[in-house]
């Protein structure tokens, strides 16, 4: 027998949404407060989510994982249709809007990875060639050692 909730109807309780999405109830409440997802309230003041909220939650988690700010995620979700499940075309349009930003982010991460390799063992962050934390060896002008760490 499975621990998964049996999903009936067109709406999910917060517990069902949490179990199905793998996202904590507290995170779902946070997403709702931030305007990323929405729920209707029953007469007993319980939250009910449309089933398409599962897709929205998945998008939020994926976007967060790659470092997209919540404000950008909110803006993207606001462009999706409100009263129907988004289609493949809707998702394609949304992903195309992020393509340039993601490409730039990938480029910056690759630069960081490639430039950071030479600094791994230095410890002092005052290498002449450190273009990440100490361009132009500014800290080296103040003497040897971990000057940047002393300023913290």
C-alpha atoms as a PDB file:
ATOM      1  CA  UNK A   1       0.000   0.000   0.000  1.00  0.00           C
ATOM      2  CA  UNK A   2       1.299   3.473  -0.899  1.00  0.00           C
ATOM      3  CA  UNK A   3       1.693   6.459   1.424  1.00  0.00           C
ATOM      4  CA  UNK A   4       0.620   8.773  -1.400  1.00  0.00           C
ATOM      5  CA  UNK A   5      -2.692  10.522  -0.920  1.00  0.00           C
ATOM      6  CA  UNK A   6      -5.576   9.544  -3.124  1.00  0.00           C
ATOM      7  CA  UNK A   7      -6.395  12.617  -5.184  1.00  0.00           C
ATOM      8  CA  UNK A   8     -10.058  13.096  -5.972  1.00  0.00           C
ATOM      9  CA  UNK A   9     -11.831  15.943  -7.686  1.00  0.00           C
ATOM     10  CA  UNK A  10     -10.421  19.048  -9.240  1.00  0.00           C
ATOM     11  CA  UNK A  11      -8.988  20.621  -6.105  1.00  0.00           C
ATOM     12  CA  UNK A  12      -6.246  19.655  -3.674  1.00  0.00           C
ATOM     13  CA  UNK A  13      -5.934  20.311   0.032  1.00  0.00           C
ATOM     14  CA  UNK A  14      -2.677  21.858   1.197  1.00  0.00           C
ATOM     15  CA  UNK A  15      -1.631  18.440   2.519  1.00  0.00           C
ATOM     16  CA  UNK A  16      -2.332  16.767  -0.824  1.00  0.00           C
ATOM     17  CA  UNK A  17      -0.476  19.502  -2.688  1.00  0.00           C
ATOM     18  CA  UNK A  18       2.451  19.151  -0.306  1.00  0.00           C
ATOM     19  CA  UNK A  19       2.578  15.363  -0.607  1.00  0.00           C
ATOM     20  CA  UNK A  20       2.242  15.374  -4.376  1.00  0.00           C
ATOM     21  CA  UNK A  21       4.727  18.205  -5.014  1.00  0.00           C
ATOM     22  CA  UNK A  22       7.256  17.276  -2.338  1.00  0.00           C
ATOM     23  CA  UNK A  23       7.124  20.841  -1.009  1.00  0.00           C
ATOM     24  CA  UNK A  24       6.542  21.550   2.687  1.00  0.00           C
ATOM     25  CA  UNK A  25       3.202  23.012   3.714  1.00  0.00           C
ATOM     26  CA  UNK A  26       5.041  26.022   5.170  1.00  0.00           C
ATOM     27  CA  UNK A  27       6.677  26.661   1.782  1.00  0.00           C
ATOM     28  CA  UNK A  28       3.289  26.465   0.054  1.00  0.00           C
ATOM     29  CA  UNK A  29       1.902  29.004   2.508  1.00  0.00           C
ATOM     30  CA  UNK A  30       4.925  31.214   1.773  1.00  0.00           C
ATOM     31  CA  UNK A  31       4.364  30.891  -1.988  1.00  0.00           C
ATOM     32  CA  UNK A  32       0.758  31.913  -1.451  1.00  0.00           C
ATOM     33  CA  UNK A  33       1.715  34.953   0.660  1.00  0.00           C
ATOM     34  CA  UNK A  34       4.203  35.948  -2.055  1.00  0.00           C
ATOM     35  CA  UNK A  35       1.549  35.738  -4.757  1.00  0.00           C
ATOM     36  CA  UNK A  36       3.154  32.784  -6.556  1.00  0.00           C
ATOM     37  CA  UNK A  37       0.178  30.461  -6.107  1.00  0.00           C
ATOM     38  CA  UNK A  38      -3.376  31.000  -4.964  1.00  0.00           C
ATOM     39  CA  UNK A  39      -6.017  29.035  -3.123  1.00  0.00           C
ATOM     40  CA  UNK A  40      -9.658  29.475  -2.488  1.00  0.00           C
ATOM     41  CA  UNK A  41     -11.007  29.112   1.037  1.00  0.00           C
ATOM     42  CA  UNK A  42     -13.794  26.731   1.951  1.00  0.00           C
ATOM     43  CA  UNK A  43     -16.594  27.718   4.316  1.00  0.00           C
ATOM     44  CA  UNK A  44     -14.423  26.158   7.042  1.00  0.00           C
ATOM     45  CA  UNK A  45     -11.516  28.431   5.982  1.00  0.00           C
ATOM     46  CA  UNK A  46      -9.458  25.551   4.558  1.00  0.00           C
ATOM     47  CA  UNK A  47      -7.283  26.116   1.515  1.00  0.00           C
ATOM     48  CA  UNK A  48      -8.157  24.419  -1.766  1.00  0.00           C
ATOM     49  CA  UNK A  49      -5.785  24.544  -4.727  1.00  0.00           C
ATOM     50  CA  UNK A  50      -6.584  23.893  -8.368  1.00  0.00           C
ATOM     51  CA  UNK A  51      -4.753  20.861  -9.752  1.00  0.00           C
ATOM     52  CA  UNK A  52      -2.712  23.034 -12.146  1.00  0.00           C
ATOM     53  CA  UNK A  53      -1.036  24.478  -9.026  1.00  0.00           C
ATOM     54  CA  UNK A  54       1.130  21.338  -9.066  1.00  0.00           C
ATOM     55  CA  UNK A  55       2.720  22.544 -12.313  1.00  0.00           C
ATOM     56  CA  UNK A  56       3.176  26.034 -10.949  1.00  0.00           C
ATOM     57  CA  UNK A  57       4.870  24.691  -7.809  1.00  0.00           C
ATOM     58  CA  UNK A  58       7.159  22.531  -9.952  1.00  0.00           C
ATOM     59  CA  UNK A  59       8.108  25.587 -12.004  1.00  0.00           C
ATOM     60  CA  UNK A  60       8.794  27.612  -8.849  1.00  0.00           C
ATOM     61  CA  UNK A  61      11.081  24.905  -7.446  1.00  0.00           C
ATOM     62  CA  UNK A  62      12.989  24.483 -10.705  1.00  0.00           C
ATOM     63  CA  UNK A  63      13.378  28.237 -11.143  1.00  0.00           C
ATOM     64  CA  UNK A  64      14.588  28.632  -7.557  1.00  0.00           C
ATOM     65  CA  UNK A  65      17.064  25.811  -8.050  1.00  0.00           C
ATOM     66  CA  UNK A  66      18.733  27.691 -10.915  1.00  0.00           C
ATOM     67  CA  UNK A  67      18.736  30.959  -8.974  1.00  0.00           C
ATOM     68  CA  UNK A  68      15.888  32.888 -10.555  1.00  0.00           C
ATOM     69  CA  UNK A  69      14.652  35.513  -8.060  1.00  0.00           C
ATOM     70  CA  UNK A  70      11.130  35.137  -6.666  1.00  0.00           C
ATOM     71  CA  UNK A  71      10.105  38.482  -8.196  1.00  0.00           C
ATOM     72  CA  UNK A  72      10.969  37.146 -11.662  1.00  0.00           C
ATOM     73  CA  UNK A  73       9.148  33.887 -10.958  1.00  0.00           C
ATOM     74  CA  UNK A  74       6.066  35.828  -9.810  1.00  0.00           C
ATOM     75  CA  UNK A  75       6.124  38.011 -12.940  1.00  0.00           C
ATOM     76  CA  UNK A  76       6.364  34.925 -15.151  1.00  0.00           C
ATOM     77  CA  UNK A  77       3.525  33.142 -13.377  1.00  0.00           C
ATOM     78  CA  UNK A  78       1.330  36.210 -13.692  1.00  0.00           C
ATOM     79  CA  UNK A  79       1.613  35.883 -17.477  1.00  0.00           C
ATOM     80  CA  UNK A  80       0.110  32.382 -17.370  1.00  0.00           C
ATOM     81  CA  UNK A  81      -3.656  31.893 -17.737  1.00  0.00           C
ATOM     82  CA  UNK A  82      -5.482  32.061 -14.414  1.00  0.00           C
ATOM     83  CA  UNK A  83      -8.507  29.821 -14.790  1.00  0.00           C
ATOM     84  CA  UNK A  84      -7.179  26.970 -16.885  1.00  0.00           C
ATOM     85  CA  UNK A  85      -4.265  24.591 -16.858  1.00  0.00           C
ATOM     86  CA  UNK A  86      -1.409  26.123 -18.855  1.00  0.00           C
ATOM     87  CA  UNK A  87      -0.794  24.469 -22.207  1.00  0.00           C
ATOM     88  CA  UNK A  88       2.530  23.409 -23.685  1.00  0.00           C
ATOM     89  CA  UNK A  89       2.473  26.651 -25.695  1.00  0.00           C
ATOM     90  CA  UNK A  90       2.047  28.672 -22.489  1.00  0.00           C
ATOM     91  CA  UNK A  91       5.054  26.944 -20.897  1.00  0.00           C
ATOM     92  CA  UNK A  92       7.129  27.382 -24.054  1.00  0.00           C
ATOM     93  CA  UNK A  93       6.410  31.103 -24.097  1.00  0.00           C
ATOM     94  CA  UNK A  94       7.381  31.376 -20.435  1.00  0.00           C
ATOM     95  CA  UNK A  95      10.638  29.471 -20.895  1.00  0.00           C
ATOM     96  CA  UNK A  96      11.591  31.549 -23.935  1.00  0.00           C
ATOM     97  CA  UNK A  97      11.263  34.687 -21.809  1.00  0.00           C
ATOM     98  CA  UNK A  98      13.931  33.294 -19.460  1.00  0.00           C
ATOM     99  CA  UNK A  99      16.242  31.925 -22.130  1.00  0.00           C
ATOM    100  CA  UNK A 100      18.509  34.999 -22.451  1.00  0.00           C
ATOM    101  CA  UNK A 101      18.794  35.417 -18.679  1.00  0.00           C
ATOM    102  CA  UNK A 102      19.606  31.740 -18.203  1.00  0.00           C
ATOM    103  CA  UNK A 103      22.183  31.823 -21.005  1.00  0.00           C
ATOM    104  CA  UNK A 104      23.848  34.842 -19.340  1.00  0.00           C
ATOM    105  CA  UNK A 105      23.766  33.107 -15.958  1.00  0.00           C
ATOM    106  CA  UNK A 106      25.351  29.978 -17.468  1.00  0.00           C
ATOM    107  CA  UNK A 107      28.055  32.134 -19.056  1.00  0.00           C
ATOM    108  CA  UNK A 108      28.825  33.873 -15.717  1.00  0.00           C
ATOM    109  CA  UNK A 109      28.919  30.554 -13.868  1.00  0.00           C
ATOM    110  CA  UNK A 110      31.319  29.097 -16.423  1.00  0.00           C
ATOM    111  CA  UNK A 111      33.547  32.143 -16.054  1.00  0.00           C
ATOM    112  CA  UNK A 112      33.454  31.793 -12.287  1.00  0.00           C
ATOM    113  CA  UNK A 113      34.289  28.107 -12.522  1.00  0.00           C
ATOM    114  CA  UNK A 114      37.180  28.693 -14.918  1.00  0.00           C
ATOM    115  CA  UNK A 115      38.632  31.752 -13.147  1.00  0.00           C
ATOM    116  CA  UNK A 116      38.150  30.413  -9.633  1.00  0.00           C
ATOM    117  CA  UNK A 117      40.232  27.297 -10.262  1.00  0.00           C
ATOM    118  CA  UNK A 118      43.490  29.247  -9.935  1.00  0.00           C
ATOM    119  CA  UNK A 119      42.534  30.667  -6.525  1.00  0.00           C
ATOM    120  CA  UNK A 120      41.488  27.516  -4.714  1.00  0.00           C
ATOM    121  CA  UNK A 121      44.684  27.098  -2.675  1.00  0.00           C
ATOM    122  CA  UNK A 122      45.740  30.711  -2.133  1.00  0.00           C
ATOM    123  CA  UNK A 123      43.803  31.511   1.034  1.00  0.00           C
ATOM    124  CA  UNK A 124      44.845  35.173   1.001  1.00  0.00           C
ATOM    125  CA  UNK A 125      42.828  36.502  -1.959  1.00  0.00           C
ATOM    126  CA  UNK A 126      45.661  38.862  -2.857  1.00  0.00           C
ATOM    127  CA  UNK A 127      46.989  37.134  -5.956  1.00  0.00           C
ATOM    128  CA  UNK A 128      47.787  39.530  -8.755  1.00  0.00           C
ATOM    129  CA  UNK A 129      45.734  37.530 -11.194  1.00  0.00           C
ATOM    130  CA  UNK A 130      42.630  37.100  -9.007  1.00  0.00           C
ATOM    131  CA  UNK A 131      39.967  38.771 -11.131  1.00  0.00           C
ATOM    132  CA  UNK A 132      37.141  37.573  -8.913  1.00  0.00           C
ATOM    133  CA  UNK A 133      37.707  38.859  -5.393  1.00  0.00           C
ATOM    134  CA  UNK A 134      40.705  41.124  -5.877  1.00  0.00           C
ATOM    135  CA  UNK A 135      41.053  42.591  -9.363  1.00  0.00           C
ATOM    136  CA  UNK A 136      44.340  44.431  -9.828  1.00  0.00           C
ATOM    137  CA  UNK A 137      45.678  42.986  -6.551  1.00  0.00           C
ATOM    138  CA  UNK A 138      44.244  45.909  -4.557  1.00  0.00           C
ATOM    139  CA  UNK A 139      44.652  44.025  -1.288  1.00  0.00           C
ATOM    140  CA  UNK A 140      48.290  43.261  -2.043  1.00  0.00           C
ATOM    141  CA  UNK A 141      49.050  46.985  -1.746  1.00  0.00           C
ATOM    142  CA  UNK A 142      48.275  46.735   1.989  1.00  0.00           C
ATOM    143  CA  UNK A 143      50.744  43.952   2.716  1.00  0.00           C
ATOM    144  CA  UNK A 144      50.904  40.198   2.607  1.00  0.00           C
ATOM    145  CA  UNK A 145      48.332  37.851   4.040  1.00  0.00           C
ATOM    146  CA  UNK A 146      44.575  37.566   4.113  1.00  0.00           C
ATOM    147  CA  UNK A 147      43.704  41.271   4.124  1.00  0.00           C
ATOM    148  CA  UNK A 148      40.191  40.693   2.910  1.00  0.00           C
ATOM    149  CA  UNK A 149      39.504  38.313   5.759  1.00  0.00           C
ATOM    150  CA  UNK A 150      40.852  40.843   8.290  1.00  0.00           C
ATOM    151  CA  UNK A 151      38.348  43.462   7.098  1.00  0.00           C
ATOM    152  CA  UNK A 152      35.326  41.268   7.802  1.00  0.00           C
END
